Amino acid sequence: MSGLANLIAIAALASTGAALAAPTHLTDSQYLAAAHCQGLFDSRSLGAADASGINAVMKSEGAYRTPDVIDRADQARGDARRSADHAGALMKGQFASERDGACQVWAHGAAPMTTAGR
């Protein structure tokens, strides 16, 4: 039985290595969500936040986008920034919570491990 266990372990390691070697990029939907978050980071009314991680993600991932996706991302970024900049106190709190919560995956330069769904 140890031979079978060794074979399974080797197959698991091989598939893990292949997955790690494969290029991983954001899907278009993830890229648009990250652009929305970038707009929240850019908002002056939400207070200072370190946007270097999300800016790096957007810059590197932008190279893999079609012009129409880039345009939609620009729109999502601008809409989020304008909405946050013009929001009342309650909505500013919600936008700040989103930026400091759900958007942190992008803020830390993380990209979900996926190549599907473009």
N, C-alpha and C. Protein backbone atom coordinates (compact mmCIF):
# COMPACT_ATOMS: atom_id res chain seq x y z
N MET A 1 0.82 -1.20 0.00
CA MET A 1 0.00 0.00 0.00
C MET A 1 0.86 1.26 0.00
N SER A 2 2.10 1.16 0.50
CA SER A 2 2.95 2.35 0.53
C SER A 2 3.34 2.81 -0.87
N GLY A 3 3.42 1.89 -1.83
CA GLY A 3 3.70 2.27 -3.20
C GLY A 3 2.60 3.14 -3.78
N LEU A 4 1.35 2.78 -3.47
CA LEU A 4 0.20 3.57 -3.93
C LEU A 4 0.20 4.94 -3.25
N ALA A 5 0.51 4.97 -1.96
CA ALA A 5 0.56 6.24 -1.24
C ALA A 5 1.65 7.13 -1.82
N ASN A 6 2.79 6.57 -2.14
CA ASN A 6 3.88 7.35 -2.75
C ASN A 6 3.48 7.89 -4.11
N LEU A 7 2.78 7.08 -4.89
CA LEU A 7 2.33 7.51 -6.21
C LEU A 7 1.34 8.67 -6.09
N ILE A 8 0.43 8.58 -5.13
CA ILE A 8 -0.54 9.66 -4.91
C ILE A 8 0.19 10.93 -4.49
N ALA A 9 1.16 10.79 -3.59
CA ALA A 9 1.91 11.95 -3.13
C ALA A 9 2.68 12.60 -4.27
N ILE A 10 3.29 11.80 -5.11
CA ILE A 10 4.05 12.33 -6.24
C ILE A 10 3.11 13.04 -7.23
N ALA A 11 1.95 12.45 -7.48
CA ALA A 11 0.98 13.07 -8.39
C ALA A 11 0.48 14.40 -7.82
N ALA A 12 0.25 14.42 -6.52
CA ALA A 12 -0.21 15.66 -5.89
C ALA A 12 0.86 16.74 -5.99
N LEU A 13 2.11 16.40 -5.74
CA LEU A 13 3.19 17.37 -5.85
C LEU A 13 3.36 17.85 -7.28
N ALA A 14 3.24 16.96 -8.22
CA ALA A 14 3.39 17.34 -9.62
C ALA A 14 2.29 18.31 -10.04
N SER A 15 1.07 18.04 -9.61
CA SER A 15 -0.02 18.93 -10.00
C SER A 15 0.11 20.27 -9.29
N THR A 16 0.60 20.29 -8.07
CA THR A 16 0.83 21.54 -7.36
C THR A 16 1.89 22.36 -8.07
N GLY A 17 2.95 21.72 -8.50
CA GLY A 17 4.01 22.42 -9.22
C GLY A 17 3.52 23.00 -10.52
N ALA A 18 2.68 22.27 -11.22
CA ALA A 18 2.13 22.77 -12.48
C ALA A 18 1.23 23.96 -12.22
N ALA A 19 0.46 23.90 -11.15
CA ALA A 19 -0.43 25.02 -10.84
C ALA A 19 0.38 26.25 -10.45
N LEU A 20 1.46 26.07 -9.74
CA LEU A 20 2.28 27.20 -9.35
C LEU A 20 3.01 27.80 -10.54
N ALA A 21 3.33 26.99 -11.52
CA ALA A 21 4.07 27.48 -12.68
C ALA A 21 3.16 28.21 -13.66
N ALA A 22 1.88 27.91 -13.63
CA ALA A 22 0.94 28.54 -14.57
C ALA A 22 0.77 30.02 -14.24
N PRO A 23 0.72 30.86 -15.26
CA PRO A 23 0.51 32.29 -15.00
C PRO A 23 -0.88 32.52 -14.43
N THR A 24 -0.97 33.40 -13.47
CA THR A 24 -2.26 33.70 -12.87
C THR A 24 -2.54 35.19 -13.05
N HIS A 25 -3.71 35.48 -13.51
CA HIS A 25 -4.14 36.85 -13.71
C HIS A 25 -5.56 36.98 -13.23
N LEU A 26 -5.96 38.19 -12.97
CA LEU A 26 -7.32 38.46 -12.57
C LEU A 26 -8.25 38.24 -13.76
N THR A 27 -9.45 37.81 -13.46
CA THR A 27 -10.47 37.79 -14.50
C THR A 27 -10.87 39.25 -14.77
N ASP A 28 -11.57 39.48 -15.84
CA ASP A 28 -12.03 40.84 -16.13
C ASP A 28 -12.93 41.35 -15.01
N SER A 29 -13.80 40.50 -14.47
CA SER A 29 -14.67 40.90 -13.37
C SER A 29 -13.87 41.29 -12.14
N GLN A 30 -12.85 40.52 -11.82
CA GLN A 30 -11.99 40.84 -10.68
C GLN A 30 -11.24 42.15 -10.93
N TYR A 31 -10.81 42.34 -12.15
CA TYR A 31 -10.10 43.56 -12.50
C TYR A 31 -11.02 44.78 -12.33
N LEU A 32 -12.28 44.65 -12.72
CA LEU A 32 -13.22 45.75 -12.56
C LEU A 32 -13.52 46.00 -11.08
N ALA A 33 -13.61 44.94 -10.29
CA ALA A 33 -13.82 45.10 -8.84
C ALA A 33 -12.62 45.80 -8.21
N ALA A 34 -11.43 45.43 -8.64
CA ALA A 34 -10.22 46.08 -8.12
C ALA A 34 -10.18 47.55 -8.53
N ALA A 35 -10.65 47.87 -9.73
CA ALA A 35 -10.70 49.27 -10.17
C ALA A 35 -11.65 50.07 -9.30
N HIS A 36 -12.80 49.48 -8.96
CA HIS A 36 -13.74 50.13 -8.04
C HIS A 36 -13.05 50.43 -6.72
N CYS A 37 -12.34 49.44 -6.19
CA CYS A 37 -11.62 49.63 -4.93
C CYS A 37 -10.54 50.70 -5.07
N GLN A 38 -9.87 50.72 -6.19
CA GLN A 38 -8.84 51.74 -6.41
C GLN A 38 -9.46 53.13 -6.34
N GLY A 39 -10.67 53.28 -6.86
CA GLY A 39 -11.38 54.55 -6.77
C GLY A 39 -11.64 54.95 -5.33
N LEU A 40 -11.96 53.97 -4.48
CA LEU A 40 -12.17 54.26 -3.06
C LEU A 40 -10.86 54.67 -2.39
N PHE A 41 -9.77 54.04 -2.78
CA PHE A 41 -8.46 54.42 -2.24
C PHE A 41 -8.07 55.83 -2.70
N ASP A 42 -8.51 56.21 -3.90
CA ASP A 42 -8.18 57.53 -4.45
C ASP A 42 -9.03 58.66 -3.86
N SER A 43 -10.14 58.32 -3.21
CA SER A 43 -11.03 59.33 -2.67
C SER A 43 -10.36 60.11 -1.55
N ARG A 44 -10.37 61.43 -1.68
CA ARG A 44 -9.78 62.29 -0.65
C ARG A 44 -10.65 62.34 0.60
N SER A 45 -11.95 62.17 0.43
CA SER A 45 -12.86 62.34 1.57
C SER A 45 -12.88 61.15 2.53
N LEU A 46 -12.30 60.01 2.14
CA LEU A 46 -12.30 58.84 3.02
C LEU A 46 -11.07 58.80 3.92
N GLY A 47 -10.18 59.74 3.76
CA GLY A 47 -8.97 59.74 4.57
C GLY A 47 -7.84 59.02 3.86
N ALA A 48 -6.66 59.22 4.39
CA ALA A 48 -5.47 58.66 3.76
C ALA A 48 -5.44 57.14 3.89
N ALA A 49 -4.97 56.50 2.84
CA ALA A 49 -4.79 55.05 2.82
C ALA A 49 -3.66 54.74 1.85
N ASP A 50 -2.89 53.73 2.17
CA ASP A 50 -1.78 53.33 1.31
C ASP A 50 -2.32 52.59 0.09
N ALA A 51 -2.22 53.20 -1.06
CA ALA A 51 -2.74 52.62 -2.30
C ALA A 51 -1.66 51.98 -3.15
N SER A 52 -0.45 51.86 -2.64
CA SER A 52 0.64 51.35 -3.47
C SER A 52 0.39 49.92 -3.94
N GLY A 53 -0.18 49.07 -3.09
CA GLY A 53 -0.45 47.69 -3.47
C GLY A 53 -1.48 47.57 -4.57
N ILE A 54 -2.60 48.27 -4.41
CA ILE A 54 -3.65 48.19 -5.42
C ILE A 54 -3.21 48.86 -6.71
N ASN A 55 -2.42 49.92 -6.60
CA ASN A 55 -1.90 50.56 -7.81
C ASN A 55 -0.98 49.63 -8.58
N ALA A 56 -0.17 48.87 -7.86
CA ALA A 56 0.72 47.90 -8.51
C ALA A 56 -0.07 46.79 -9.20
N VAL A 57 -1.12 46.30 -8.53
CA VAL A 57 -1.96 45.26 -9.13
C VAL A 57 -2.60 45.78 -10.40
N MET A 58 -3.16 46.97 -10.34
CA MET A 58 -3.85 47.53 -11.50
C MET A 58 -2.89 47.78 -12.65
N LYS A 59 -1.69 48.23 -12.33
CA LYS A 59 -0.71 48.49 -13.39
C LYS A 59 -0.30 47.19 -14.07
N SER A 60 0.03 46.17 -13.28
CA SER A 60 0.48 44.92 -13.88
C SER A 60 -0.65 44.21 -14.62
N GLU A 61 -1.84 44.23 -14.05
CA GLU A 61 -2.97 43.53 -14.67
C GLU A 61 -3.52 44.28 -15.89
N GLY A 62 -3.31 45.58 -15.95
CA GLY A 62 -3.79 46.36 -17.08
C GLY A 62 -3.19 45.93 -18.40
N ALA A 63 -2.01 45.35 -18.34
CA ALA A 63 -1.34 44.89 -19.56
C ALA A 63 -2.09 43.74 -20.23
N TYR A 64 -2.96 43.06 -19.50
CA TYR A 64 -3.66 41.90 -20.02
C TYR A 64 -5.11 42.20 -20.41
N ARG A 65 -5.48 43.47 -20.45
CA ARG A 65 -6.87 43.86 -20.70
C ARG A 65 -7.07 44.39 -22.11
N THR A 66 -8.27 44.19 -22.61
CA THR A 66 -8.65 44.78 -23.89
C THR A 66 -9.05 46.23 -23.64
N PRO A 67 -9.03 47.04 -24.68
CA PRO A 67 -9.39 48.46 -24.50
C PRO A 67 -10.77 48.67 -23.88
N ASP A 68 -11.75 47.84 -24.23
CA ASP A 68 -13.08 48.04 -23.65
C ASP A 68 -13.10 47.75 -22.16
N VAL A 69 -12.32 46.79 -21.70
CA VAL A 69 -12.24 46.50 -20.26
C VAL A 69 -11.50 47.63 -19.55
N ILE A 70 -10.47 48.16 -20.17
CA ILE A 70 -9.75 49.31 -19.59
C ILE A 70 -10.71 50.48 -19.43
N ASP A 71 -11.53 50.72 -20.44
CA ASP A 71 -12.52 51.82 -20.37
C ASP A 71 -13.52 51.59 -19.25
N ARG A 72 -14.01 50.36 -19.12
CA ARG A 72 -14.97 50.06 -18.04
C ARG A 72 -14.30 50.19 -16.68
N ALA A 73 -13.05 49.81 -16.58
CA ALA A 73 -12.32 49.96 -15.31
C ALA A 73 -12.13 51.43 -14.96
N ASP A 74 -11.80 52.24 -15.96
CA ASP A 74 -11.66 53.69 -15.73
C ASP A 74 -12.98 54.27 -15.23
N GLN A 75 -14.08 53.82 -15.82
CA GLN A 75 -15.40 54.29 -15.41
C GLN A 75 -15.71 53.84 -13.98
N ALA A 76 -15.44 52.59 -13.65
CA ALA A 76 -15.70 52.07 -12.30
C ALA A 76 -14.86 52.81 -11.27
N ARG A 77 -13.61 53.07 -11.59
CA ARG A 77 -12.71 53.80 -10.68
C ARG A 77 -13.23 55.21 -10.45
N GLY A 78 -13.57 55.91 -11.52
CA GLY A 78 -14.08 57.27 -11.42
C GLY A 78 -15.40 57.35 -10.68
N ASP A 79 -16.30 56.42 -10.97
CA ASP A 79 -17.61 56.40 -10.29
C ASP A 79 -17.44 56.19 -8.79
N ALA A 80 -16.58 55.27 -8.41
CA ALA A 80 -16.37 54.99 -6.99
C ALA A 80 -15.75 56.20 -6.29
N ARG A 81 -14.77 56.81 -6.92
CA ARG A 81 -14.12 57.99 -6.32
C ARG A 81 -15.10 59.14 -6.16
N ARG A 82 -15.87 59.41 -7.21
CA ARG A 82 -16.85 60.50 -7.14
C ARG A 82 -17.93 60.21 -6.10
N SER A 83 -18.41 58.98 -6.07
CA SER A 83 -19.44 58.63 -5.09
C SER A 83 -18.93 58.81 -3.66
N ALA A 84 -17.71 58.39 -3.41
CA ALA A 84 -17.14 58.54 -2.07
C ALA A 84 -16.88 60.00 -1.74
N ASP A 85 -16.40 60.75 -2.71
CA ASP A 85 -16.10 62.17 -2.47
C ASP A 85 -17.36 62.99 -2.19
N HIS A 86 -18.49 62.59 -2.73
CA HIS A 86 -19.73 63.35 -2.57
C HIS A 86 -20.72 62.71 -1.60
N ALA A 87 -20.30 61.68 -0.91
CA ALA A 87 -21.20 60.95 -0.02
C ALA A 87 -21.41 61.69 1.29
N GLY A 88 -22.57 61.44 1.89
CA GLY A 88 -22.84 61.95 3.24
C GLY A 88 -22.09 61.11 4.26
N ALA A 89 -22.24 61.45 5.51
CA ALA A 89 -21.49 60.79 6.58
C ALA A 89 -21.75 59.28 6.63
N LEU A 90 -23.01 58.87 6.51
CA LEU A 90 -23.34 57.45 6.58
C LEU A 90 -22.69 56.68 5.43
N MET A 91 -22.83 57.18 4.22
CA MET A 91 -22.25 56.50 3.06
C MET A 91 -20.73 56.54 3.08
N LYS A 92 -20.15 57.63 3.56
CA LYS A 92 -18.68 57.68 3.67
C LYS A 92 -18.19 56.57 4.58
N GLY A 93 -18.92 56.34 5.66
CA GLY A 93 -18.56 55.25 6.57
C GLY A 93 -18.63 53.90 5.88
N GLN A 94 -19.65 53.71 5.05
CA GLN A 94 -19.79 52.45 4.32
C GLN A 94 -18.68 52.29 3.27
N PHE A 95 -18.38 53.36 2.57
CA PHE A 95 -17.29 53.30 1.59
C PHE A 95 -15.95 53.03 2.27
N ALA A 96 -15.72 53.69 3.40
CA ALA A 96 -14.46 53.47 4.14
C ALA A 96 -14.38 52.04 4.65
N SER A 97 -15.51 51.49 5.10
CA SER A 97 -15.53 50.09 5.54
C SER A 97 -15.23 49.14 4.39
N GLU A 98 -15.77 49.44 3.23
CA GLU A 98 -15.49 48.60 2.05
C GLU A 98 -14.01 48.68 1.69
N ARG A 99 -13.47 49.91 1.66
CA ARG A 99 -12.05 50.10 1.33
C ARG A 99 -11.15 49.37 2.34
N ASP A 100 -11.50 49.47 3.61
CA ASP A 100 -10.67 48.90 4.67
C ASP A 100 -10.98 47.44 4.94
N GLY A 101 -12.00 46.91 4.28
CA GLY A 101 -12.38 45.51 4.46
C GLY A 101 -12.18 44.71 3.19
N ALA A 102 -13.24 44.64 2.39
CA ALA A 102 -13.23 43.80 1.19
C ALA A 102 -12.14 44.17 0.20
N CYS A 103 -11.79 45.44 0.13
CA CYS A 103 -10.78 45.88 -0.85
C CYS A 103 -9.35 45.56 -0.43
N GLN A 104 -9.16 45.09 0.78
CA GLN A 104 -7.81 44.83 1.24
C GLN A 104 -7.11 43.71 0.47
N VAL A 105 -7.88 42.81 -0.13
CA VAL A 105 -7.26 41.76 -0.93
C VAL A 105 -6.45 42.37 -2.07
N TRP A 106 -6.93 43.47 -2.63
CA TRP A 106 -6.21 44.15 -3.71
C TRP A 106 -5.15 45.07 -3.14
N ALA A 107 -5.39 45.65 -1.99
CA ALA A 107 -4.48 46.61 -1.39
C ALA A 107 -3.15 45.97 -1.01
N HIS A 108 -3.18 44.70 -0.73
CA HIS A 108 -1.95 44.00 -0.37
C HIS A 108 -1.27 43.38 -1.59
N GLY A 109 -1.72 43.78 -2.76
CA GLY A 109 -1.09 43.29 -3.98
C GLY A 109 -1.44 41.86 -4.30
N ALA A 110 -2.47 41.33 -3.66
CA ALA A 110 -2.85 39.94 -3.88
C ALA A 110 -3.69 39.81 -5.14
N ALA A 111 -3.51 38.70 -5.78
CA ALA A 111 -4.34 38.37 -6.92
C ALA A 111 -4.85 36.96 -6.70
N PRO A 112 -6.15 36.76 -6.66
CA PRO A 112 -6.68 35.42 -6.49
C PRO A 112 -6.11 34.47 -7.54
N MET A 113 -5.85 33.26 -7.14
CA MET A 113 -5.24 32.28 -8.02
C MET A 113 -6.27 31.73 -9.00
N THR A 114 -6.31 32.32 -10.17
CA THR A 114 -7.24 31.87 -11.18
C THR A 114 -6.76 32.27 -12.57
N THR A 115 -7.13 31.49 -13.54
CA THR A 115 -6.86 31.85 -14.94
C THR A 115 -8.14 31.71 -15.75
N ALA A 116 -9.23 31.35 -15.11
CA ALA A 116 -10.48 31.10 -15.82
C ALA A 116 -11.40 32.32 -15.77
N GLY A 117 -12.42 32.30 -16.58
CA GLY A 117 -13.50 33.27 -16.50
C GLY A 117 -13.25 34.60 -17.15
N ARG A 118 -12.37 34.68 -18.08
CA ARG A 118 -12.13 35.96 -18.75
C ARG A 118 -13.26 36.27 -19.60
